[in-house]
Amino acid sequence: MNWQVYPVLIIGTTDADRKFHPFGFSVSNCEKTNDYIFLFKSVKNGVQDFNRKILIADGSDAITNGFEAVFGKNYNRIMCWAHVYRALDKNIKNYCVDITSCNEIIDDVMFLQLCQSQAVF
């Protein structure tokens, strides 16, 4: 679908072992707030006891606004690690004097993402 420029929106949950379990997807002609509202409303109506206190996603305003429109603002937002790392890797060279500094910053960020709690972070 992405090849045809139709975003595939995937939604799921994680278990105690941090494994992702998809339980829904949507094909959209764009990634706007209303697309995410539709997706999140579908989950809210179809999945009993869905824990909506944590949102793991990229930094998209459309995802955030869609989630908040359906579930409210009382939740924790967690940035998707793959998106963070790709953005860091792409942009780090703009802020470093040399490759050693870049590698040290990347190592520090990788270490931080392993924190088990906000207090430790």
PDB file of N, CA and C in Angstrom:
ATOM      1  N   MET A   1       0.808  -1.194   0.000  1.00  0.00           N
ATOM      2  CA  MET A   1       0.000   0.000   0.000  1.00  0.00           C
ATOM      3  C   MET A   1       0.853   1.261   0.000  1.00  0.00           C
ATOM      4  N   ASN A   2       1.966   1.227   0.732  1.00  0.00           N
ATOM      5  CA  ASN A   2       2.837   2.397   0.746  1.00  0.00           C
ATOM      6  C   ASN A   2       3.388   2.684  -0.640  1.00  0.00           C
ATOM      7  N   TRP A   3       3.602   1.636  -1.434  1.00  0.00           N
ATOM      8  CA  TRP A   3       4.107   1.806  -2.790  1.00  0.00           C
ATOM      9  C   TRP A   3       3.118   2.616  -3.627  1.00  0.00           C
ATOM     10  N   GLN A   4       1.833   2.462  -3.340  1.00  0.00           N
ATOM     11  CA  GLN A   4       0.787   3.204  -4.035  1.00  0.00           C
ATOM     12  C   GLN A   4       0.486   4.537  -3.343  1.00  0.00           C
ATOM     13  N   VAL A   5       1.293   4.899  -2.364  1.00  0.00           N
ATOM     14  CA  VAL A   5       1.195   6.140  -1.611  1.00  0.00           C
ATOM     15  C   VAL A   5      -0.087   6.203  -0.772  1.00  0.00           C
ATOM     16  N   TYR A   6      -0.521   5.053  -0.265  1.00  0.00           N
ATOM     17  CA  TYR A   6      -1.615   4.990   0.683  1.00  0.00           C
ATOM     18  C   TYR A   6      -1.033   4.521   2.016  1.00  0.00           C
ATOM     19  N   PRO A   7      -0.954   5.412   2.999  1.00  0.00           N
ATOM     20  CA  PRO A   7      -0.395   5.006   4.287  1.00  0.00           C
ATOM     21  C   PRO A   7      -1.212   3.890   4.931  1.00  0.00           C
ATOM     22  N   VAL A   8      -0.505   2.934   5.492  1.00  0.00           N
ATOM     23  CA  VAL A   8      -1.132   1.866   6.260  1.00  0.00           C
ATOM     24  C   VAL A   8      -0.915   2.192   7.732  1.00  0.00           C
ATOM     25  N   LEU A   9      -1.988   2.411   8.448  1.00  0.00           N
ATOM     26  CA  LEU A   9      -1.938   2.757   9.862  1.00  0.00           C
ATOM     27  C   LEU A   9      -2.163   1.478  10.657  1.00  0.00           C
ATOM     28  N   ILE A  10      -1.186   1.085  11.454  1.00  0.00           N
ATOM     29  CA  ILE A  10      -1.262  -0.153  12.219  1.00  0.00           C
ATOM     30  C   ILE A  10      -1.401   0.176  13.696  1.00  0.00           C
ATOM     31  N   ILE A  11      -2.296  -0.534  14.360  1.00  0.00           N
ATOM     32  CA  ILE A  11      -2.501  -0.321  15.790  1.00  0.00           C
ATOM     33  C   ILE A  11      -2.440  -1.674  16.494  1.00  0.00           C
ATOM     34  N   GLY A  12      -1.898  -1.658  17.697  1.00  0.00           N
ATOM     35  CA  GLY A  12      -1.785  -2.899  18.443  1.00  0.00           C
ATOM     36  C   GLY A  12      -1.420  -2.626  19.883  1.00  0.00           C
ATOM     37  N   THR A  13      -0.961  -3.648  20.541  1.00  0.00           N
ATOM     38  CA  THR A  13      -0.596  -3.543  21.947  1.00  0.00           C
ATOM     39  C   THR A  13       0.713  -4.290  22.177  1.00  0.00           C
ATOM     40  N   THR A  14       1.324  -4.035  23.311  1.00  0.00           N
ATOM     41  CA  THR A  14       2.529  -4.772  23.677  1.00  0.00           C
ATOM     42  C   THR A  14       2.243  -5.582  24.931  1.00  0.00           C
ATOM     43  N   ASP A  15       2.994  -6.678  25.080  1.00  0.00           N
ATOM     44  CA  ASP A  15       2.829  -7.507  26.267  1.00  0.00           C
ATOM     45  C   ASP A  15       3.976  -7.256  27.244  1.00  0.00           C
ATOM     46  N   ALA A  16       3.998  -8.016  28.319  1.00  0.00           N
ATOM     47  CA  ALA A  16       5.017  -7.835  29.356  1.00  0.00           C
ATOM     48  C   ALA A  16       6.430  -8.105  28.841  1.00  0.00           C
ATOM     49  N   ASP A  17       6.550  -8.892  27.769  1.00  0.00           N
ATOM     50  CA  ASP A  17       7.853  -9.181  27.169  1.00  0.00           C
ATOM     51  C   ASP A  17       8.222  -8.183  26.069  1.00  0.00           C
ATOM     52  N   ARG A  18       7.450  -7.106  25.968  1.00  0.00           N
ATOM     53  CA  ARG A  18       7.679  -6.039  24.991  1.00  0.00           C
ATOM     54  C   ARG A  18       7.504  -6.491  23.544  1.00  0.00           C
ATOM     55  N   LYS A  19       6.674  -7.480  23.340  1.00  0.00           N
ATOM     56  CA  LYS A  19       6.343  -7.955  21.995  1.00  0.00           C
ATOM     57  C   LYS A  19       5.105  -7.194  21.518  1.00  0.00           C
ATOM     58  N   PHE A  20       5.143  -6.777  20.264  1.00  0.00           N
ATOM     59  CA  PHE A  20       4.035  -6.034  19.679  1.00  0.00           C
ATOM     60  C   PHE A  20       3.039  -7.007  19.063  1.00  0.00           C
ATOM     61  N   HIS A  21       1.756  -6.788  19.352  1.00  0.00           N
ATOM     62  CA  HIS A  21       0.682  -7.617  18.820  1.00  0.00           C
ATOM     63  C   HIS A  21      -0.307  -6.716  18.079  1.00  0.00           C
ATOM     64  N   PRO A  22      -0.238  -6.698  16.752  1.00  0.00           N
ATOM     65  CA  PRO A  22      -1.177  -5.854  16.003  1.00  0.00           C
ATOM     66  C   PRO A  22      -2.588  -6.449  16.060  1.00  0.00           C
ATOM     67  N   PHE A  23      -3.582  -5.582  16.173  1.00  0.00           N
ATOM     68  CA  PHE A  23      -4.947  -6.074  16.132  1.00  0.00           C
ATOM     69  C   PHE A  23      -5.833  -5.250  15.213  1.00  0.00           C
ATOM     70  N   GLY A  24      -5.239  -4.310  14.527  1.00  0.00           N
ATOM     71  CA  GLY A  24      -6.027  -3.540  13.576  1.00  0.00           C
ATOM     72  C   GLY A  24      -5.158  -2.723  12.654  1.00  0.00           C
ATOM     73  N   PHE A  25      -5.706  -2.426  11.506  1.00  0.00           N
ATOM     74  CA  PHE A  25      -5.015  -1.524  10.591  1.00  0.00           C
ATOM     75  C   PHE A  25      -6.046  -0.799   9.745  1.00  0.00           C
ATOM     76  N   SER A  26      -5.597   0.276   9.167  1.00  0.00           N
ATOM     77  CA  SER A  26      -6.447   1.097   8.328  1.00  0.00           C
ATOM     78  C   SER A  26      -5.617   1.572   7.148  1.00  0.00           C
ATOM     79  N   VAL A  27      -6.230   1.611   5.997  1.00  0.00           N
ATOM     80  CA  VAL A  27      -5.577   2.168   4.816  1.00  0.00           C
ATOM     81  C   VAL A  27      -6.202   3.533   4.584  1.00  0.00           C
ATOM     82  N   SER A  28      -5.356   4.517   4.404  1.00  0.00           N
ATOM     83  CA  SER A  28      -5.812   5.896   4.329  1.00  0.00           C
ATOM     84  C   SER A  28      -5.273   6.547   3.063  1.00  0.00           C
ATOM     85  N   ASN A  29      -5.889   7.627   2.647  1.00  0.00           N
ATOM     86  CA  ASN A  29      -5.317   8.378   1.534  1.00  0.00           C
ATOM     87  C   ASN A  29      -4.429   9.515   2.038  1.00  0.00           C
ATOM     88  N   CYS A  30      -4.374   9.676   3.356  1.00  0.00           N
ATOM     89  CA  CYS A  30      -3.490  10.664   3.976  1.00  0.00           C
ATOM     90  C   CYS A  30      -3.364  10.307   5.447  1.00  0.00           C
ATOM     91  N   GLU A  31      -2.565  11.009   6.161  1.00  0.00           N
ATOM     92  CA  GLU A  31      -2.411  10.766   7.599  1.00  0.00           C
ATOM     93  C   GLU A  31      -2.816  12.023   8.350  1.00  0.00           C
ATOM     94  N   LYS A  32      -4.100  12.291   8.360  1.00  0.00           N
ATOM     95  CA  LYS A  32      -4.646  13.466   9.031  1.00  0.00           C
ATOM     96  C   LYS A  32      -5.288  13.066  10.352  1.00  0.00           C
ATOM     97  N   THR A  33      -5.570  14.050  11.176  1.00  0.00           N
ATOM     98  CA  THR A  33      -6.178  13.808  12.481  1.00  0.00           C
ATOM     99  C   THR A  33      -7.440  12.962  12.372  1.00  0.00           C
ATOM    100  N   ASN A  34      -8.298  13.257  11.403  1.00  0.00           N
ATOM    101  CA  ASN A  34      -9.553  12.514  11.268  1.00  0.00           C
ATOM    102  C   ASN A  34      -9.317  11.032  10.962  1.00  0.00           C
ATOM    103  N   ASP A  35      -8.240  10.704  10.254  1.00  0.00           N
ATOM    104  CA  ASP A  35      -7.918   9.303   9.994  1.00  0.00           C
ATOM    105  C   ASP A  35      -7.600   8.584  11.298  1.00  0.00           C
ATOM    106  N   TYR A  36      -6.853   9.234  12.163  1.00  0.00           N
ATOM    107  CA  TYR A  36      -6.497   8.633  13.448  1.00  0.00           C
ATOM    108  C   TYR A  36      -7.693   8.612  14.397  1.00  0.00           C
ATOM    109  N   ILE A  37      -8.555   9.611  14.337  1.00  0.00           N
ATOM    110  CA  ILE A  37      -9.778   9.580  15.145  1.00  0.00           C
ATOM    111  C   ILE A  37     -10.603   8.353  14.773  1.00  0.00           C
ATOM    112  N   PHE A  38     -10.756   8.109  13.468  1.00  0.00           N
ATOM    113  CA  PHE A  38     -11.496   6.935  13.013  1.00  0.00           C
ATOM    114  C   PHE A  38     -10.863   5.653  13.549  1.00  0.00           C
ATOM    115  N   LEU A  39      -9.548   5.551  13.428  1.00  0.00           N
ATOM    116  CA  LEU A  39      -8.835   4.355  13.882  1.00  0.00           C
ATOM    117  C   LEU A  39      -8.981   4.156  15.389  1.00  0.00           C
ATOM    118  N   PHE A  40      -8.754   5.212  16.161  1.00  0.00           N
ATOM    119  CA  PHE A  40      -8.843   5.098  17.617  1.00  0.00           C
ATOM    120  C   PHE A  40     -10.284   4.853  18.087  1.00  0.00           C
ATOM    121  N   LYS A  41     -11.280   5.451  17.429  1.00  0.00           N
ATOM    122  CA  LYS A  41     -12.675   5.179  17.780  1.00  0.00           C
ATOM    123  C   LYS A  41     -13.014   3.716  17.512  1.00  0.00           C
ATOM    124  N   SER A  42     -12.491   3.181  16.422  1.00  0.00           N
ATOM    125  CA  SER A  42     -12.726   1.771  16.103  1.00  0.00           C
ATOM    126  C   SER A  42     -12.168   0.875  17.196  1.00  0.00           C
ATOM    127  N   VAL A  43     -10.991   1.209  17.691  1.00  0.00           N
ATOM    128  CA  VAL A  43     -10.389   0.433  18.771  1.00  0.00           C
ATOM    129  C   VAL A  43     -11.217   0.576  20.041  1.00  0.00           C
ATOM    130  N   LYS A  44     -11.588   1.799  20.362  1.00  0.00           N
ATOM    131  CA  LYS A  44     -12.360   2.050  21.580  1.00  0.00           C
ATOM    132  C   LYS A  44     -13.670   1.270  21.564  1.00  0.00           C
ATOM    133  N   ASN A  45     -14.312   1.207  20.415  1.00  0.00           N
ATOM    134  CA  ASN A  45     -15.597   0.512  20.301  1.00  0.00           C
ATOM    135  C   ASN A  45     -15.441  -1.002  20.179  1.00  0.00           C
ATOM    136  N   GLY A  46     -14.281  -1.464  19.723  1.00  0.00           N
ATOM    137  CA  GLY A  46     -14.134  -2.887  19.431  1.00  0.00           C
ATOM    138  C   GLY A  46     -13.296  -3.695  20.392  1.00  0.00           C
ATOM    139  N   VAL A  47     -12.481  -3.053  21.207  1.00  0.00           N
ATOM    140  CA  VAL A  47     -11.584  -3.786  22.104  1.00  0.00           C
ATOM    141  C   VAL A  47     -11.957  -3.459  23.541  1.00  0.00           C
ATOM    142  N   GLN A  48     -12.461  -4.473  24.249  1.00  0.00           N
ATOM    143  CA  GLN A  48     -12.826  -4.259  25.645  1.00  0.00           C
ATOM    144  C   GLN A  48     -11.577  -4.127  26.498  1.00  0.00           C
ATOM    145  N   ASP A  49     -11.656  -3.318  27.522  1.00  0.00           N
ATOM    146  CA  ASP A  49     -10.570  -3.122  28.487  1.00  0.00           C
ATOM    147  C   ASP A  49      -9.276  -2.658  27.830  1.00  0.00           C
ATOM    148  N   PHE A  50      -9.378  -1.866  26.780  1.00  0.00           N
ATOM    149  CA  PHE A  50      -8.184  -1.341  26.116  1.00  0.00           C
ATOM    150  C   PHE A  50      -7.539  -0.305  27.019  1.00  0.00           C
ATOM    151  N   ASN A  51      -6.267  -0.514  27.372  1.00  0.00           N
ATOM    152  CA  ASN A  51      -5.534   0.412  28.229  1.00  0.00           C
ATOM    153  C   ASN A  51      -5.050   1.575  27.381  1.00  0.00           C
ATOM    154  N   ARG A  52      -5.654   2.696  27.541  1.00  0.00           N
ATOM    155  CA  ARG A  52      -5.342   3.872  26.719  1.00  0.00           C
ATOM    156  C   ARG A  52      -4.514   4.886  27.476  1.00  0.00           C
ATOM    157  N   LYS A  53      -3.721   4.441  28.406  1.00  0.00           N
ATOM    158  CA  LYS A  53      -2.927   5.354  29.214  1.00  0.00           C
ATOM    159  C   LYS A  53      -1.540   5.592  28.632  1.00  0.00           C
ATOM    160  N   ILE A  54      -1.164   4.829  27.603  1.00  0.00           N
ATOM    161  CA  ILE A  54       0.148   4.983  26.990  1.00  0.00           C
ATOM    162  C   ILE A  54      -0.018   4.998  25.475  1.00  0.00           C
ATOM    163  N   LEU A  55       0.615   5.961  24.834  1.00  0.00           N
ATOM    164  CA  LEU A  55       0.641   6.037  23.380  1.00  0.00           C
ATOM    165  C   LEU A  55       2.089   5.967  22.932  1.00  0.00           C
ATOM    166  N   ILE A  56       2.416   4.954  22.148  1.00  0.00           N
ATOM    167  CA  ILE A  56       3.749   4.843  21.550  1.00  0.00           C
ATOM    168  C   ILE A  56       3.583   5.142  20.072  1.00  0.00           C
ATOM    169  N   ALA A  57       4.236   6.190  19.621  1.00  0.00           N
ATOM    170  CA  ALA A  57       4.090   6.604  18.223  1.00  0.00           C
ATOM    171  C   ALA A  57       5.250   7.514  17.859  1.00  0.00           C
ATOM    172  N   ASP A  58       5.265   7.939  16.599  1.00  0.00           N
ATOM    173  CA  ASP A  58       6.255   8.950  16.228  1.00  0.00           C
ATOM    174  C   ASP A  58       5.728  10.309  16.685  1.00  0.00           C
ATOM    175  N   GLY A  59       6.362  11.371  16.290  1.00  0.00           N
ATOM    176  CA  GLY A  59       6.007  12.701  16.779  1.00  0.00           C
ATOM    177  C   GLY A  59       4.891  13.381  16.016  1.00  0.00           C
ATOM    178  N   SER A  60       4.117  12.649  15.269  1.00  0.00           N
ATOM    179  CA  SER A  60       3.065  13.217  14.438  1.00  0.00           C
ATOM    180  C   SER A  60       1.986  13.922  15.262  1.00  0.00           C
ATOM    181  N   ASP A  61       1.697  15.165  14.909  1.00  0.00           N
ATOM    182  CA  ASP A  61       0.604  15.894  15.562  1.00  0.00           C
ATOM    183  C   ASP A  61      -0.736  15.240  15.264  1.00  0.00           C
ATOM    184  N   ALA A  62      -0.890  14.660  14.070  1.00  0.00           N
ATOM    185  CA  ALA A  62      -2.154  14.017  13.700  1.00  0.00           C
ATOM    186  C   ALA A  62      -2.447  12.834  14.622  1.00  0.00           C
ATOM    187  N   ILE A  63      -1.426  12.046  14.947  1.00  0.00           N
ATOM    188  CA  ILE A  63      -1.623  10.912  15.857  1.00  0.00           C
ATOM    189  C   ILE A  63      -2.005  11.421  17.241  1.00  0.00           C
ATOM    190  N   THR A  64      -1.250  12.391  17.730  1.00  0.00           N
ATOM    191  CA  THR A  64      -1.516  12.956  19.057  1.00  0.00           C
ATOM    192  C   THR A  64      -2.924  13.530  19.136  1.00  0.00           C
ATOM    193  N   ASN A  65      -3.288  14.352  18.172  1.00  0.00           N
ATOM    194  CA  ASN A  65      -4.608  14.992  18.193  1.00  0.00           C
ATOM    195  C   ASN A  65      -5.732  13.968  18.067  1.00  0.00           C
ATOM    196  N   GLY A  66      -5.544  12.952  17.232  1.00  0.00           N
ATOM    197  CA  GLY A  66      -6.548  11.907  17.089  1.00  0.00           C
ATOM    198  C   GLY A  66      -6.722  11.115  18.369  1.00  0.00           C
ATOM    199  N   PHE A  67      -5.609  10.758  19.008  1.00  0.00           N
ATOM    200  CA  PHE A  67      -5.654  10.003  20.261  1.00  0.00           C
ATOM    201  C   PHE A  67      -6.355  10.808  21.337  1.00  0.00           C
ATOM    202  N   GLU A  68      -5.986  12.079  21.477  1.00  0.00           N
ATOM    203  CA  GLU A  68      -6.580  12.925  22.511  1.00  0.00           C
ATOM    204  C   GLU A  68      -8.064  13.183  22.251  1.00  0.00           C
ATOM    205  N   ALA A  69      -8.467  13.265  20.996  1.00  0.00           N
ATOM    206  CA  ALA A  69      -9.881  13.481  20.678  1.00  0.00           C
ATOM    207  C   ALA A  69     -10.734  12.292  21.121  1.00  0.00           C
ATOM    208  N   VAL A  70     -10.161  11.096  21.095  1.00  0.00           N
ATOM    209  CA  VAL A  70     -10.919   9.893  21.454  1.00  0.00           C
ATOM    210  C   VAL A  70     -10.736   9.510  22.917  1.00  0.00           C
ATOM    211  N   PHE A  71      -9.513   9.593  23.422  1.00  0.00           N
ATOM    212  CA  PHE A  71      -9.209   9.078  24.759  1.00  0.00           C
ATOM    213  C   PHE A  71      -8.916  10.151  25.806  1.00  0.00           C
ATOM    214  N   GLY A  72      -8.834  11.409  25.410  1.00  0.00           N
ATOM    215  CA  GLY A  72      -8.528  12.470  26.358  1.00  0.00           C
ATOM    216  C   GLY A  72      -7.031  12.689  26.501  1.00  0.00           C
ATOM    217  N   LYS A  73      -6.672  13.589  27.405  1.00  0.00           N
ATOM    218  CA  LYS A  73      -5.271  13.999  27.535  1.00  0.00           C
ATOM    219  C   LYS A  73      -4.539  13.345  28.698  1.00  0.00           C
ATOM    220  N   ASN A  74      -5.177  12.440  29.399  1.00  0.00           N
ATOM    221  CA  ASN A  74      -4.555  11.797  30.547  1.00  0.00           C
ATOM    222  C   ASN A  74      -3.859  10.504  30.111  1.00  0.00           C
ATOM    223  N   TYR A  75      -2.645  10.638  29.561  1.00  0.00           N
ATOM    224  CA  TYR A  75      -1.884   9.487  29.092  1.00  0.00           C
ATOM    225  C   TYR A  75      -0.403   9.849  29.043  1.00  0.00           C
ATOM    226  N   ASN A  76       0.431   8.849  28.916  1.00  0.00           N
ATOM    227  CA  ASN A  76       1.870   9.061  28.736  1.00  0.00           C
ATOM    228  C   ASN A  76       2.209   8.863  27.269  1.00  0.00           C
ATOM    229  N   ARG A  77       3.002   9.765  26.732  1.00  0.00           N
ATOM    230  CA  ARG A  77       3.427   9.687  25.339  1.00  0.00           C
ATOM    231  C   ARG A  77       4.844   9.145  25.302  1.00  0.00           C
ATOM    232  N   ILE A  78       5.050   8.090  24.550  1.00  0.00           N
ATOM    233  CA  ILE A  78       6.367   7.496  24.382  1.00  0.00           C
ATOM    234  C   ILE A  78       6.722   7.557  22.904  1.00  0.00           C
ATOM    235  N   MET A  79       7.872   8.116  22.631  1.00  0.00           N
ATOM    236  CA  MET A  79       8.323   8.194  21.238  1.00  0.00           C
ATOM    237  C   MET A  79       8.808   6.832  20.773  1.00  0.00           C
ATOM    238  N   CYS A  80       8.436   6.482  19.570  1.00  0.00           N
ATOM    239  CA  CYS A  80       8.886   5.234  18.956  1.00  0.00           C
ATOM    240  C   CYS A  80      10.408   5.281  18.805  1.00  0.00           C
ATOM    241  N   TRP A  81      11.096   4.298  19.365  1.00  0.00           N
ATOM    242  CA  TRP A  81      12.553   4.291  19.368  1.00  0.00           C
ATOM    243  C   TRP A  81      13.127   4.286  17.950  1.00  0.00           C
ATOM    244  N   ALA A  82      12.535   3.533  17.047  1.00  0.00           N
ATOM    245  CA  ALA A  82      13.049   3.475  15.670  1.00  0.00           C
ATOM    246  C   ALA A  82      13.007   4.857  15.020  1.00  0.00           C
ATOM    247  N   HIS A  83      11.952   5.605  15.251  1.00  0.00           N
ATOM    248  CA  HIS A  83      11.851   6.954  14.681  1.00  0.00           C
ATOM    249  C   HIS A  83      12.873   7.902  15.314  1.00  0.00           C
ATOM    250  N   VAL A  84      13.041   7.789  16.619  1.00  0.00           N
ATOM    251  CA  VAL A  84      14.020   8.631  17.311  1.00  0.00           C
ATOM    252  C   VAL A  84      15.419   8.345  16.773  1.00  0.00           C
ATOM    253  N   TYR A  85      15.762   7.075  16.682  1.00  0.00           N
ATOM    254  CA  TYR A  85      17.107   6.710  16.257  1.00  0.00           C
ATOM    255  C   TYR A  85      17.381   7.155  14.816  1.00  0.00           C
ATOM    256  N   ARG A  86      16.421   6.958  13.921  1.00  0.00           N
ATOM    257  CA  ARG A  86      16.622   7.388  12.523  1.00  0.00           C
ATOM    258  C   ARG A  86      16.810   8.896  12.432  1.00  0.00           C
ATOM    259  N   ALA A  87      16.018   9.653  13.186  1.00  0.00           N
ATOM    260  CA  ALA A  87      16.151  11.112  13.170  1.00  0.00           C
ATOM    261  C   ALA A  87      17.493  11.538  13.767  1.00  0.00           C
ATOM    262  N   LEU A  88      17.901  10.882  14.843  1.00  0.00           N
ATOM    263  CA  LEU A  88      19.186  11.191  15.466  1.00  0.00           C
ATOM    264  C   LEU A  88      20.325  10.900  14.499  1.00  0.00           C
ATOM    265  N   ASP A  89      20.297   9.723  13.905  1.00  0.00           N
ATOM    266  CA  ASP A  89      21.351   9.316  12.984  1.00  0.00           C
ATOM    267  C   ASP A  89      21.435  10.262  11.777  1.00  0.00           C
ATOM    268  N   LYS A  90      20.293  10.700  11.291  1.00  0.00           N
ATOM    269  CA  LYS A  90      20.230  11.589  10.126  1.00  0.00           C
ATOM    270  C   LYS A  90      20.758  12.997  10.438  1.00  0.00           C
ATOM    271  N   ASN A  91      20.473  13.487  11.647  1.00  0.00           N
ATOM    272  CA  ASN A  91      20.751  14.890  11.969  1.00  0.00           C
ATOM    273  C   ASN A  91      21.939  15.134  12.877  1.00  0.00           C
ATOM    274  N   ILE A  92      22.511  14.116  13.473  1.00  0.00           N
ATOM    275  CA  ILE A  92      23.553  14.312  14.481  1.00  0.00           C
ATOM    276  C   ILE A  92      24.787  15.022  13.934  1.00  0.00           C
ATOM    277  N   LYS A  93      25.104  14.776  12.705  1.00  0.00           N
ATOM    278  CA  LYS A  93      26.316  15.356  12.121  1.00  0.00           C
ATOM    279  C   LYS A  93      26.262  16.885  12.042  1.00  0.00           C
ATOM    280  N   ASN A  94      25.058  17.445  12.101  1.00  0.00           N
ATOM    281  CA  ASN A  94      24.902  18.903  12.092  1.00  0.00           C
ATOM    282  C   ASN A  94      25.315  19.549  13.405  1.00  0.00           C
ATOM    283  N   TYR A  95      25.452  18.743  14.468  1.00  0.00           N
ATOM    284  CA  TYR A  95      25.699  19.291  15.787  1.00  0.00           C
ATOM    285  C   TYR A  95      27.031  18.872  16.400  1.00  0.00           C
ATOM    286  N   CYS A  96      27.779  18.036  15.709  1.00  0.00           N
ATOM    287  CA  CYS A  96      29.031  17.520  16.267  1.00  0.00           C
ATOM    288  C   CYS A  96      30.241  18.138  15.571  1.00  0.00           C
ATOM    289  N   VAL A  97      31.299  18.247  16.348  1.00  0.00           N
ATOM    290  CA  VAL A  97      32.559  18.750  15.801  1.00  0.00           C
ATOM    291  C   VAL A  97      33.290  17.637  15.062  1.00  0.00           C
ATOM    292  N   ASP A  98      33.236  16.432  15.622  1.00  0.00           N
ATOM    293  CA  ASP A  98      33.944  15.302  15.002  1.00  0.00           C
ATOM    294  C   ASP A  98      33.142  14.012  15.195  1.00  0.00           C
ATOM    295  N   ILE A  99      33.571  12.955  14.548  1.00  0.00           N
ATOM    296  CA  ILE A  99      32.858  11.685  14.589  1.00  0.00           C
ATOM    297  C   ILE A  99      32.840  11.080  15.987  1.00  0.00           C
ATOM    298  N   THR A 100      33.887  11.312  16.772  1.00  0.00           N
ATOM    299  CA  THR A 100      33.927  10.784  18.140  1.00  0.00           C
ATOM    300  C   THR A 100      32.814  11.405  18.977  1.00  0.00           C
ATOM    301  N   SER A 101      32.614  12.706  18.857  1.00  0.00           N
ATOM    302  CA  SER A 101      31.534  13.382  19.585  1.00  0.00           C
ATOM    303  C   SER A 101      30.176  12.837  19.155  1.00  0.00           C
ATOM    304  N   CYS A 102      30.002  12.646  17.871  1.00  0.00           N
ATOM    305  CA  CYS A 102      28.738  12.095  17.363  1.00  0.00           C
ATOM    306  C   CYS A 102      28.466  10.725  17.966  1.00  0.00           C
ATOM    307  N   ASN A 103      29.470   9.872  17.959  1.00  0.00           N
ATOM    308  CA  ASN A 103      29.302   8.519  18.490  1.00  0.00           C
ATOM    309  C   ASN A 103      29.002   8.532  19.988  1.00  0.00           C
ATOM    310  N   GLU A 104      29.630   9.448  20.716  1.00  0.00           N
ATOM    311  CA  GLU A 104      29.369   9.544  22.154  1.00  0.00           C
ATOM    312  C   GLU A 104      27.928   9.980  22.430  1.00  0.00           C
ATOM    313  N   ILE A 105      27.437  10.920  21.653  1.00  0.00           N
ATOM    314  CA  ILE A 105      26.050  11.376  21.826  1.00  0.00           C
ATOM    315  C   ILE A 105      25.083  10.250  21.492  1.00  0.00           C
ATOM    316  N   ILE A 106      25.316   9.549  20.405  1.00  0.00           N
ATOM    317  CA  ILE A 106      24.461   8.419  20.029  1.00  0.00           C
ATOM    318  C   ILE A 106      24.478   7.362  21.122  1.00  0.00           C
ATOM    319  N   ASP A 107      25.656   7.046  21.652  1.00  0.00           N
ATOM    320  CA  ASP A 107      25.750   6.066  22.740  1.00  0.00           C
ATOM    321  C   ASP A 107      24.961   6.516  23.971  1.00  0.00           C
ATOM    322  N   ASP A 108      25.054   7.807  24.304  1.00  0.00           N
ATOM    323  CA  ASP A 108      24.321   8.334  25.458  1.00  0.00           C
ATOM    324  C   ASP A 108      22.809   8.208  25.259  1.00  0.00           C
ATOM    325  N   VAL A 109      22.332   8.557  24.072  1.00  0.00           N
ATOM    326  CA  VAL A 109      20.895   8.470  23.800  1.00  0.00           C
ATOM    327  C   VAL A 109      20.439   7.012  23.822  1.00  0.00           C
ATOM    328  N   MET A 110      21.249   6.116  23.276  1.00  0.00           N
ATOM    329  CA  MET A 110      20.903   4.697  23.309  1.00  0.00           C
ATOM    330  C   MET A 110      20.839   4.187  24.747  1.00  0.00           C
ATOM    331  N   PHE A 111      21.741   4.665  25.594  1.00  0.00           N
ATOM    332  CA  PHE A 111      21.720   4.277  27.003  1.00  0.00           C
ATOM    333  C   PHE A 111      20.465   4.802  27.692  1.00  0.00           C
ATOM    334  N   LEU A 112      20.104   6.054  27.414  1.00  0.00           N
ATOM    335  CA  LEU A 112      18.931   6.653  28.044  1.00  0.00           C
ATOM    336  C   LEU A 112      17.643   5.912  27.693  1.00  0.00           C
ATOM    337  N   GLN A 113      17.539   5.423  26.477  1.00  0.00           N
ATOM    338  CA  GLN A 113      16.297   4.766  26.073  1.00  0.00           C
ATOM    339  C   GLN A 113      16.076   3.449  26.805  1.00  0.00           C
ATOM    340  N   LEU A 114      17.106   2.947  27.477  1.00  0.00           N
ATOM    341  CA  LEU A 114      16.963   1.703  28.239  1.00  0.00           C
ATOM    342  C   LEU A 114      16.455   1.926  29.664  1.00  0.00           C
ATOM    343  N   CYS A 115      16.283   3.177  30.065  1.00  0.00           N
ATOM    344  CA  CYS A 115      15.822   3.470  31.425  1.00  0.00           C
ATOM    345  C   CYS A 115      14.480   2.800  31.697  1.00  0.00           C
ATOM    346  N   GLN A 116      14.354   2.256  32.873  1.00  0.00           N
ATOM    347  CA  GLN A 116      13.151   1.513  33.250  1.00  0.00           C
ATOM    348  C   GLN A 116      12.045   2.391  33.805  1.00  0.00           C
ATOM    349  N   SER A 117      12.356   3.661  34.095  1.00  0.00           N
ATOM    350  CA  SER A 117      11.336   4.543  34.649  1.00  0.00           C
ATOM    351  C   SER A 117      11.692   5.994  34.349  1.00  0.00           C
ATOM    352  N   GLN A 118      10.715   6.871  34.529  1.00  0.00           N
ATOM    353  CA  GLN A 118      10.973   8.292  34.330  1.00  0.00           C
ATOM    354  C   GLN A 118      11.949   8.821  35.369  1.00  0.00           C
ATOM    355  N   ALA A 119      11.872   8.303  36.580  1.00  0.00           N
ATOM    356  CA  ALA A 119      12.775   8.755  37.645  1.00  0.00           C
ATOM    357  C   ALA A 119      14.225   8.420  37.306  1.00  0.00           C
ATOM    358  N   VAL A 120      14.457   7.222  36.785  1.00  0.00           N
ATOM    359  CA  VAL A 120      15.810   6.820  36.408  1.00  0.00           C
ATOM    360  C   VAL A 120      16.288   7.653  35.225  1.00  0.00           C
ATOM    361  N   PHE A 121      15.404   7.927  34.285  1.00  0.00           N
ATOM    362  CA  PHE A 121      15.742   8.727  33.118  1.00  0.00           C
ATOM    363  C   PHE A 121      16.213  10.110  33.545  1.00  0.00           C
TER     364      PHE A 121
END
